Amino acid sequence: MRGSHHKNLFLYHLTVITRTPSPPFLKVHAQLLIPSSSSPFPAPNYTTLTITPEKQSFTVNYLVKNCGFLPDGALHASKYVLFETPEKPDSVIELLRSFGFSDLQIHNVIRKTPRILVSKPQETLLPKLQFLISKGASQSQLARIIDLNPLILLRSLEKHLIPTFDLLTNFIGSEERTLNSLKRGPQILTCYMFHQNINLLVDSGVREISIARLLRQWPWLLSFNFQCIKRAVEEVIEIGIDPPKANFVPALYAKLLPKSTWDKKVEFYKRFGLTDDNIREAFVKHPFCMMLSEQKIEATMGFFLKELGWESVQVARRPVLLALNLDKRIVPRAAVVKILISNGVIRSGRHLSAYTAKEETFFEKYVNRFKDQAPKLLKVYREKMNPPVKKSKLKS
């Protein structure tokens, strides 16, 4: 079976890739495994550097003059990289420039991974850049991916990058899609826990198509700490969503949000009179309801309650309604339904299908079908779909 074949691949890759212990700074509980923007210099426990005033002074000056560092930042970076001559860092910078990296991108790469300046450009860095180019990455795509995760240039090509890229492609279906996934979450190419997390999902019964969706849309989630992913999987199952179901992956995403965010959203829904059971039922049906902004929830829920006279429980029973575009979908369709009811063309009621149907289906069933019985129907619908721009919003 295809699934069994993939699982054997996972276990093989996991054995190969986890031989080298993960640097301590990568084992961050419940956080993405990339350097935090609030901490641009992660404190990796590489090798202890023998710092001499001469080496440190040269390094700091070089970083300031050639890499766009401020003195404090250069001093901090010199804790992780030291050199006495400019030849090697010059060759590293020249290599990156030859692949289209901008000065800002080169600065970001060095800021996040200072020791790249003492890497061997031709032996260590070039093969990895060429590998991604060979997979179809343009120079701009390559620079963006490396800018976001320069650790790619420090991982083993044969033992880590190639097996991981191939594993991603096996799921996602093409190298082009894999590159798109890397642009969204480049940390998955270097994360040591990625393979463990994939194995966990497979062992839990998550379908290949769902894992592929996860890798395409939210690849960074698989860079979370293994225990964090495991706990989230258990919580989603406990709520009542089975791993083979299509909504398991979105539910997993929602459960990986900070607990404070989850609790705050629950309390917000309760303001509309919903109970814990109502919220759980809504989440099981449409997990995205826990990822909507409070502004979006308030606007959409308010429209159904105030303008259409629904009860909050009725909306919660069809939580997908909360995710629909209010101005471009709900309001225009509500206007059509209201006209049809007032003209006696259709019976009064909530008409849920009017809001969830595809545009073509809705237009044929509710607009085109009754345009002779309700002459103003088409005009109202078009006006609601394309409201006039207020003069105050026009730019001179």
Protein backbone atom coordinates (compact mmCIF):
# COMPACT_ATOMS: atom_id res chain seq x y z
CA MET A 1 0.00 0.00 0.00
CA ARG A 2 1.13 3.53 -0.74
CA GLY A 3 0.65 4.65 2.86
CA SER A 4 2.84 1.81 4.15
CA HIS A 5 5.52 2.71 1.62
CA HIS A 6 5.52 6.32 2.85
CA LYS A 7 5.67 5.23 6.46
CA ASN A 8 8.75 3.11 5.79
CA LEU A 9 10.32 6.12 4.09
CA PHE A 10 9.61 8.24 7.16
CA LEU A 11 11.28 5.78 9.49
CA TYR A 12 14.30 5.50 7.22
CA HIS A 13 14.73 9.23 6.89
CA LEU A 14 14.20 9.69 10.62
CA THR A 15 17.01 7.22 11.36
CA VAL A 16 19.40 8.97 9.01
CA ILE A 17 18.58 12.54 9.94
CA THR A 18 18.47 12.29 13.70
CA ARG A 19 21.92 10.82 14.12
CA THR A 20 23.28 14.28 14.87
CA PRO A 21 21.78 15.75 18.06
CA SER A 22 19.68 18.84 17.59
CA PRO A 23 21.28 22.11 18.73
CA PRO A 24 19.60 23.20 21.97
CA PHE A 25 18.23 26.42 20.50
CA LEU A 26 16.10 24.40 18.05
CA LYS A 27 14.31 22.56 20.83
CA VAL A 28 11.90 25.34 21.68
CA HIS A 29 8.69 24.19 23.27
CA ALA A 30 5.56 25.28 21.41
CA GLN A 31 7.34 27.76 19.17
CA LEU A 32 8.26 27.72 15.50
CA LEU A 33 11.76 26.48 14.95
CA ILE A 34 13.12 29.62 13.35
CA PRO A 35 15.01 32.51 14.91
CA SER A 36 12.55 34.86 16.56
CA SER A 37 12.29 38.35 15.16
CA SER A 38 12.48 39.61 18.73
CA SER A 39 15.73 37.70 19.20
CA PRO A 40 17.68 38.00 15.95
CA PHE A 41 20.72 36.31 17.45
CA PRO A 42 19.62 32.96 18.81
CA ALA A 43 22.10 31.51 21.24
CA PRO A 44 23.15 28.27 19.57
CA ASN A 45 25.48 26.05 21.48
CA TYR A 46 27.91 25.53 18.66
CA THR A 47 31.54 25.21 19.60
CA THR A 48 33.09 27.40 22.26
CA LEU A 49 35.08 30.14 20.57
CA THR A 50 38.47 31.23 21.82
CA ILE A 51 37.99 34.97 21.82
CA THR A 52 40.99 37.23 21.55
CA PRO A 53 40.70 41.01 21.42
CA GLU A 54 42.38 41.11 18.00
CA LYS A 55 40.01 38.56 16.42
CA GLN A 56 36.95 40.09 17.96
CA SER A 57 37.93 43.62 16.94
CA PHE A 58 38.54 42.58 13.32
CA THR A 59 35.25 40.65 13.18
CA VAL A 60 33.21 43.49 14.66
CA ASN A 61 34.73 46.04 12.29
CA TYR A 62 34.13 43.77 9.31
CA LEU A 63 30.46 43.21 10.23
CA VAL A 64 29.89 46.94 10.62
CA LYS A 65 31.67 48.01 7.42
CA ASN A 66 30.68 45.16 5.10
CA CYS A 67 27.47 43.63 6.43
CA GLY A 68 25.37 46.55 7.61
CA PHE A 69 25.59 45.77 11.33
CA LEU A 70 25.33 48.30 14.10
CA PRO A 71 28.23 48.09 16.58
CA ASP A 72 26.18 46.40 19.33
CA GLY A 73 24.81 43.83 16.91
CA ALA A 74 28.26 43.16 15.49
CA LEU A 75 29.66 42.66 18.99
CA HIS A 76 26.88 40.19 19.77
CA ALA A 77 27.43 38.28 16.53
CA SER A 78 31.14 38.03 17.25
CA LYS A 79 30.30 35.65 20.10
CA TYR A 80 29.39 33.06 17.46
CA VAL A 81 31.86 33.76 14.67
CA LEU A 82 35.44 35.05 14.63
CA PHE A 83 37.91 35.55 11.80
CA GLU A 84 41.17 37.44 11.33
CA THR A 85 41.22 37.95 7.56
CA PRO A 86 38.52 39.03 5.09
CA GLU A 87 39.11 36.39 2.42
CA LYS A 88 36.58 33.78 3.53
CA PRO A 89 33.71 36.14 4.52
CA ASP A 90 34.34 38.12 1.31
CA SER A 91 33.96 34.95 -0.76
CA VAL A 92 30.77 34.00 1.08
CA ILE A 93 29.20 37.40 0.41
CA GLU A 94 30.32 37.31 -3.22
CA LEU A 95 28.74 33.88 -3.66
CA LEU A 96 25.41 35.05 -2.28
CA ARG A 97 25.49 38.12 -4.51
CA SER A 98 26.15 35.94 -7.54
CA PHE A 99 22.84 34.18 -6.83
CA GLY A 100 20.92 37.45 -6.72
CA PHE A 101 20.82 38.10 -2.96
CA SER A 102 20.30 41.77 -2.12
CA ASP A 103 22.43 43.54 0.48
CA LEU A 104 19.51 43.41 2.91
CA GLN A 105 19.05 39.67 2.38
CA ILE A 106 22.76 39.05 2.86
CA HIS A 107 22.63 41.08 6.08
CA ASN A 108 19.63 39.05 7.29
CA VAL A 109 21.35 35.74 6.52
CA ILE A 110 24.46 36.74 8.44
CA ARG A 111 22.45 38.26 11.29
CA LYS A 112 20.50 35.04 11.78
CA THR A 113 23.41 32.66 11.20
CA PRO A 114 26.73 34.48 11.77
CA ARG A 115 28.90 31.40 11.39
CA ILE A 116 27.97 31.18 7.72
CA LEU A 117 30.79 33.69 7.15
CA VAL A 118 33.41 31.05 7.98
CA SER A 119 31.81 28.31 5.88
CA LYS A 120 33.54 27.03 2.77
CA PRO A 121 31.70 28.72 -0.10
CA GLN A 122 32.42 26.22 -2.84
CA GLU A 123 32.35 23.02 -0.80
CA THR A 124 29.60 23.81 1.75
CA LEU A 125 27.33 26.56 0.44
CA LEU A 126 27.35 26.31 -3.35
CA PRO A 127 25.99 22.73 -3.62
CA LYS A 128 22.94 23.65 -1.52
CA LEU A 129 22.18 26.73 -3.57
CA GLN A 130 22.59 24.72 -6.76
CA PHE A 131 20.33 21.98 -5.38
CA LEU A 132 17.40 24.35 -4.88
CA ILE A 133 18.00 25.94 -8.29
CA SER A 134 17.98 22.45 -9.85
CA LYS A 135 14.56 21.87 -8.30
CA GLY A 136 13.15 24.87 -10.13
CA ALA A 137 13.70 27.75 -7.71
CA SER A 138 14.30 31.10 -9.36
CA GLN A 139 17.02 33.32 -7.94
CA SER A 140 14.42 35.51 -6.23
CA GLN A 141 12.70 32.46 -4.72
CA LEU A 142 16.03 31.05 -3.61
CA ALA A 143 17.05 34.30 -1.94
CA ARG A 144 13.70 34.55 -0.16
CA ILE A 145 13.86 30.97 1.16
CA ILE A 146 17.44 31.33 2.41
CA ASP A 147 16.69 34.78 3.83
CA LEU A 148 13.89 33.26 5.90
CA ASN A 149 15.89 30.21 6.96
CA PRO A 150 19.67 30.42 6.38
CA LEU A 151 20.15 27.23 8.41
CA ILE A 152 19.47 25.47 5.10
CA LEU A 153 23.02 26.35 4.10
CA LEU A 154 24.44 24.65 7.19
CA ARG A 155 22.55 21.35 7.02
CA SER A 156 23.97 18.27 5.34
CA LEU A 157 22.83 18.13 1.73
CA GLU A 158 22.98 14.35 1.37
CA LYS A 159 21.81 13.35 4.83
CA HIS A 160 19.15 15.97 5.45
CA LEU A 161 18.15 18.39 2.70
CA ILE A 162 17.73 15.90 -0.16
CA PRO A 163 15.79 13.28 1.88
CA THR A 164 13.55 15.96 3.38
CA PHE A 165 12.87 17.63 0.04
CA ASP A 166 12.06 14.26 -1.54
CA LEU A 167 9.74 13.37 1.31
CA LEU A 168 7.89 16.66 0.92
CA THR A 169 7.56 16.07 -2.81
CA ASN A 170 6.18 12.57 -2.24
CA PHE A 171 3.31 14.11 -0.30
CA ILE A 172 2.75 17.38 -2.14
CA GLY A 173 3.03 15.87 -5.61
CA SER A 174 5.54 18.06 -7.45
CA GLU A 175 8.79 19.90 -6.93
CA GLU A 176 7.11 23.18 -7.87
CA ARG A 177 4.55 22.77 -5.08
CA THR A 178 7.30 21.78 -2.67
CA LEU A 179 9.14 25.03 -3.42
CA ASN A 180 5.91 26.97 -2.84
CA SER A 181 5.54 25.17 0.48
CA LEU A 182 9.12 26.09 1.41
CA LYS A 183 8.38 29.74 0.72
CA ARG A 184 5.56 29.54 3.26
CA GLY A 185 7.51 27.56 5.85
CA PRO A 186 11.20 27.13 4.99
CA GLN A 187 11.99 25.90 8.50
CA ILE A 188 10.55 22.47 7.67
CA LEU A 189 13.58 21.80 5.48
CA THR A 190 15.93 22.00 8.48
CA CYS A 191 13.77 21.04 11.46
CA TYR A 192 14.90 17.83 13.13
CA MET A 193 11.40 17.18 14.48
CA PHE A 194 9.69 17.42 11.10
CA HIS A 195 10.02 13.71 10.38
CA GLN A 196 8.87 12.72 13.85
CA ASN A 197 5.81 14.91 13.49
CA ILE A 198 4.98 13.37 10.10
CA ASN A 199 5.28 9.90 11.59
CA LEU A 200 2.98 10.93 14.45
CA LEU A 201 0.27 12.06 12.04
CA VAL A 202 0.58 8.89 9.96
CA ASP A 203 0.45 6.67 13.06
CA SER A 204 -2.59 8.60 14.31
CA GLY A 205 -4.50 7.85 11.12
CA VAL A 206 -4.34 11.21 9.34
CA ARG A 207 -4.82 10.66 5.61
CA GLU A 208 -2.13 11.43 3.04
CA ILE A 209 -4.35 14.01 1.35
CA SER A 210 -4.77 15.84 4.67
CA ILE A 211 -1.04 15.82 5.37
CA ALA A 212 -0.44 17.15 1.85
CA ARG A 213 -2.89 19.97 2.55
CA LEU A 214 -1.07 20.75 5.78
CA LEU A 215 2.26 20.87 3.97
CA ARG A 216 0.88 23.15 1.26
CA GLN A 217 -0.98 25.61 3.46
CA TRP A 218 0.60 25.58 6.92
CA PRO A 219 3.95 23.77 6.62
CA TRP A 220 5.46 25.60 9.61
CA LEU A 221 3.12 23.72 11.95
CA LEU A 222 5.23 20.60 11.48
CA SER A 223 8.20 22.49 12.90
CA PHE A 224 6.58 22.64 16.31
CA ASN A 225 7.94 20.66 19.23
CA PHE A 226 6.98 16.99 18.96
CA GLN A 227 5.29 16.90 22.37
CA CYS A 228 3.31 20.00 21.45
CA ILE A 229 2.04 18.37 18.25
CA LYS A 230 1.28 15.14 20.11
CA ARG A 231 -0.74 16.97 22.74
CA ALA A 232 -2.68 18.89 20.10
CA VAL A 233 -3.49 15.67 18.23
CA GLU A 234 -4.82 14.13 21.44
CA GLU A 235 -6.93 17.20 22.21
CA VAL A 236 -8.51 17.27 18.76
CA ILE A 237 -9.38 13.58 19.01
CA GLU A 238 -10.82 14.11 22.49
CA ILE A 239 -13.02 16.94 21.19
CA GLY A 240 -14.56 14.49 18.73
CA ILE A 241 -12.77 14.90 15.40
CA ASP A 242 -11.36 11.67 13.98
CA PRO A 243 -7.92 11.86 12.29
CA PRO A 244 -9.17 10.52 8.92
CA LYS A 245 -11.70 13.38 8.66
CA ALA A 246 -10.90 16.31 6.36
CA ASN A 247 -11.42 18.84 9.16
CA PHE A 248 -8.79 17.22 11.42
CA VAL A 249 -5.88 19.25 10.04
CA PRO A 250 -7.61 22.67 10.39
CA ALA A 251 -8.62 21.63 13.90
CA LEU A 252 -5.00 20.74 14.65
CA TYR A 253 -3.95 24.18 13.44
CA ALA A 254 -6.49 25.82 15.73
CA LYS A 255 -5.35 23.75 18.69
CA LEU A 256 -1.73 24.75 18.10
CA LEU A 257 -2.64 28.38 18.69
CA PRO A 258 -1.51 29.70 22.08
CA LYS A 259 -3.92 28.54 24.79
CA SER A 260 -4.53 32.15 25.76
CA THR A 261 -5.74 32.85 22.21
CA TRP A 262 -8.05 29.84 22.32
CA ASP A 263 -9.48 30.79 25.72
CA LYS A 264 -9.99 34.38 24.64
CA LYS A 265 -11.93 33.27 21.55
CA VAL A 266 -14.13 30.99 23.64
CA GLU A 267 -14.97 33.85 25.97
CA PHE A 268 -15.72 36.08 23.00
CA TYR A 269 -18.24 33.59 21.58
CA LYS A 270 -19.87 33.34 24.98
CA ARG A 271 -20.73 37.04 24.77
CA PHE A 272 -23.30 36.03 22.16
CA GLY A 273 -24.92 33.59 24.56
CA LEU A 274 -23.19 30.46 23.30
CA THR A 275 -22.28 27.68 25.73
CA ASP A 276 -19.17 25.53 25.81
CA ASP A 277 -21.15 22.76 24.10
CA ASN A 278 -22.32 25.15 21.37
CA ILE A 279 -18.74 26.26 20.75
CA ARG A 280 -17.41 22.70 20.73
CA GLU A 281 -20.10 21.63 18.26
CA ALA A 282 -19.28 24.58 16.01
CA PHE A 283 -15.57 23.78 16.18
CA VAL A 284 -16.13 20.14 15.22
CA LYS A 285 -18.16 21.21 12.19
CA HIS A 286 -15.92 24.06 11.07
CA PRO A 287 -12.60 24.43 12.95
CA PHE A 288 -11.84 27.71 11.18
CA CYS A 289 -14.42 29.39 13.41
CA MET A 290 -11.74 29.50 16.12
CA MET A 291 -9.25 31.22 13.81
CA LEU A 292 -11.45 34.13 12.74
CA SER A 293 -10.71 37.57 14.11
CA GLU A 294 -13.02 39.00 16.73
CA GLN A 295 -13.90 41.83 14.35
CA LYS A 296 -14.99 39.34 11.68
CA ILE A 297 -17.03 37.29 14.14
CA GLU A 298 -18.71 40.35 15.61
CA ALA A 299 -19.61 41.84 12.22
CA THR A 300 -21.01 38.62 10.76
CA MET A 301 -22.75 37.40 13.91
CA GLY A 302 -24.18 40.90 14.42
CA PHE A 303 -25.65 40.94 10.92
CA PHE A 304 -27.40 37.61 11.34
CA LEU A 305 -28.72 38.54 14.77
CA LYS A 306 -29.71 42.18 14.22
CA GLU A 307 -30.56 42.33 10.51
CA LEU A 308 -31.96 38.86 9.91
CA GLY A 309 -33.34 38.07 13.35
CA TRP A 310 -31.46 34.81 13.83
CA GLU A 311 -30.41 33.42 17.19
CA SER A 312 -26.73 32.93 17.92
CA VAL A 313 -27.24 29.19 18.36
CA GLN A 314 -28.66 28.98 14.84
CA VAL A 315 -25.52 30.58 13.45
CA ALA A 316 -23.31 28.33 15.57
CA ARG A 317 -25.01 25.27 14.11
CA ARG A 318 -23.74 26.38 10.70
CA PRO A 319 -20.40 27.93 11.70
CA VAL A 320 -19.22 28.11 8.09
CA LEU A 321 -21.48 31.17 7.81
CA LEU A 322 -19.09 33.11 10.05
CA ALA A 323 -16.26 32.61 7.58
CA LEU A 324 -18.15 33.84 4.52
CA ASN A 325 -17.51 37.30 3.13
CA LEU A 326 -20.04 39.62 4.73
CA ASP A 327 -20.13 42.43 2.14
CA LYS A 328 -19.68 40.39 -1.02
CA ARG A 329 -21.74 37.35 -0.15
CA ILE A 330 -23.96 37.45 2.91
CA VAL A 331 -25.40 40.96 2.52
CA PRO A 332 -26.25 40.68 -1.22
CA ARG A 333 -27.80 37.25 -0.83
CA ALA A 334 -29.75 38.30 2.25
CA ALA A 335 -31.21 41.18 0.20
CA VAL A 336 -32.30 38.75 -2.53
CA VAL A 337 -33.90 36.36 -0.05
CA LYS A 338 -35.72 39.25 1.64
CA ILE A 339 -37.20 40.46 -1.68
CA LEU A 340 -38.29 36.96 -2.66
CA ILE A 341 -40.00 36.43 0.70
CA SER A 342 -41.71 39.85 0.61
CA ASN A 343 -43.04 39.11 -2.89
CA GLY A 344 -44.36 35.73 -1.79
CA VAL A 345 -42.10 33.92 -4.22
CA ILE A 346 -40.51 31.76 -1.53
CA ARG A 347 -41.58 30.90 1.98
CA SER A 348 -40.22 32.79 4.95
CA GLY A 349 -37.34 31.11 6.71
CA ARG A 350 -33.60 31.18 7.14
CA HIS A 351 -32.75 29.60 3.76
CA LEU A 352 -29.29 28.43 4.79
CA SER A 353 -28.47 27.08 1.33
CA ALA A 354 -28.75 30.60 -0.09
CA TYR A 355 -25.61 31.59 1.79
CA THR A 356 -23.57 28.41 1.40
CA ALA A 357 -24.26 27.67 -2.28
CA LYS A 358 -21.67 28.44 -4.94
CA GLU A 359 -22.15 31.72 -6.79
CA GLU A 360 -23.39 30.11 -10.01
CA THR A 361 -25.84 27.90 -8.12
CA PHE A 362 -27.17 30.77 -6.04
CA PHE A 363 -27.62 33.05 -9.06
CA GLU A 364 -29.56 30.45 -11.03
CA LYS A 365 -31.71 29.27 -8.10
CA TYR A 366 -32.53 32.61 -6.48
CA VAL A 367 -31.94 35.40 -9.00
CA ASN A 368 -32.26 34.27 -12.61
CA ARG A 369 -35.10 31.88 -11.83
CA PHE A 370 -37.30 34.59 -10.28
CA LYS A 371 -36.24 37.70 -12.22
CA ASP A 372 -39.67 37.98 -13.92
CA GLN A 373 -41.60 37.58 -10.66
CA ALA A 374 -39.43 40.12 -8.85
CA PRO A 375 -38.34 42.70 -11.46
CA LYS A 376 -36.01 44.62 -9.12
CA LEU A 377 -34.23 41.47 -7.99
CA LEU A 378 -31.31 41.57 -10.42
CA LYS A 379 -30.77 45.31 -9.95
CA VAL A 380 -30.72 45.03 -6.15
CA TYR A 381 -28.37 42.05 -6.25
CA ARG A 382 -25.90 43.84 -8.52
CA GLU A 383 -26.00 46.99 -6.40
CA LYS A 384 -25.34 45.02 -3.22
CA MET A 385 -22.50 43.14 -4.90
CA ASN A 386 -20.94 46.37 -6.16
CA PRO A 387 -21.87 49.20 -3.81
CA PRO A 388 -20.96 52.72 -5.00
CA VAL A 389 -17.73 54.13 -3.62
CA LYS A 390 -18.32 56.89 -1.11
CA LYS A 391 -16.94 60.26 -2.15
CA SER A 392 -15.04 60.54 1.12
CA LYS A 393 -13.05 57.47 0.12
CA LEU A 394 -12.13 58.76 -3.31
CA LYS A 395 -8.54 59.85 -3.67
CA SER A 396 -7.67 63.00 -5.55
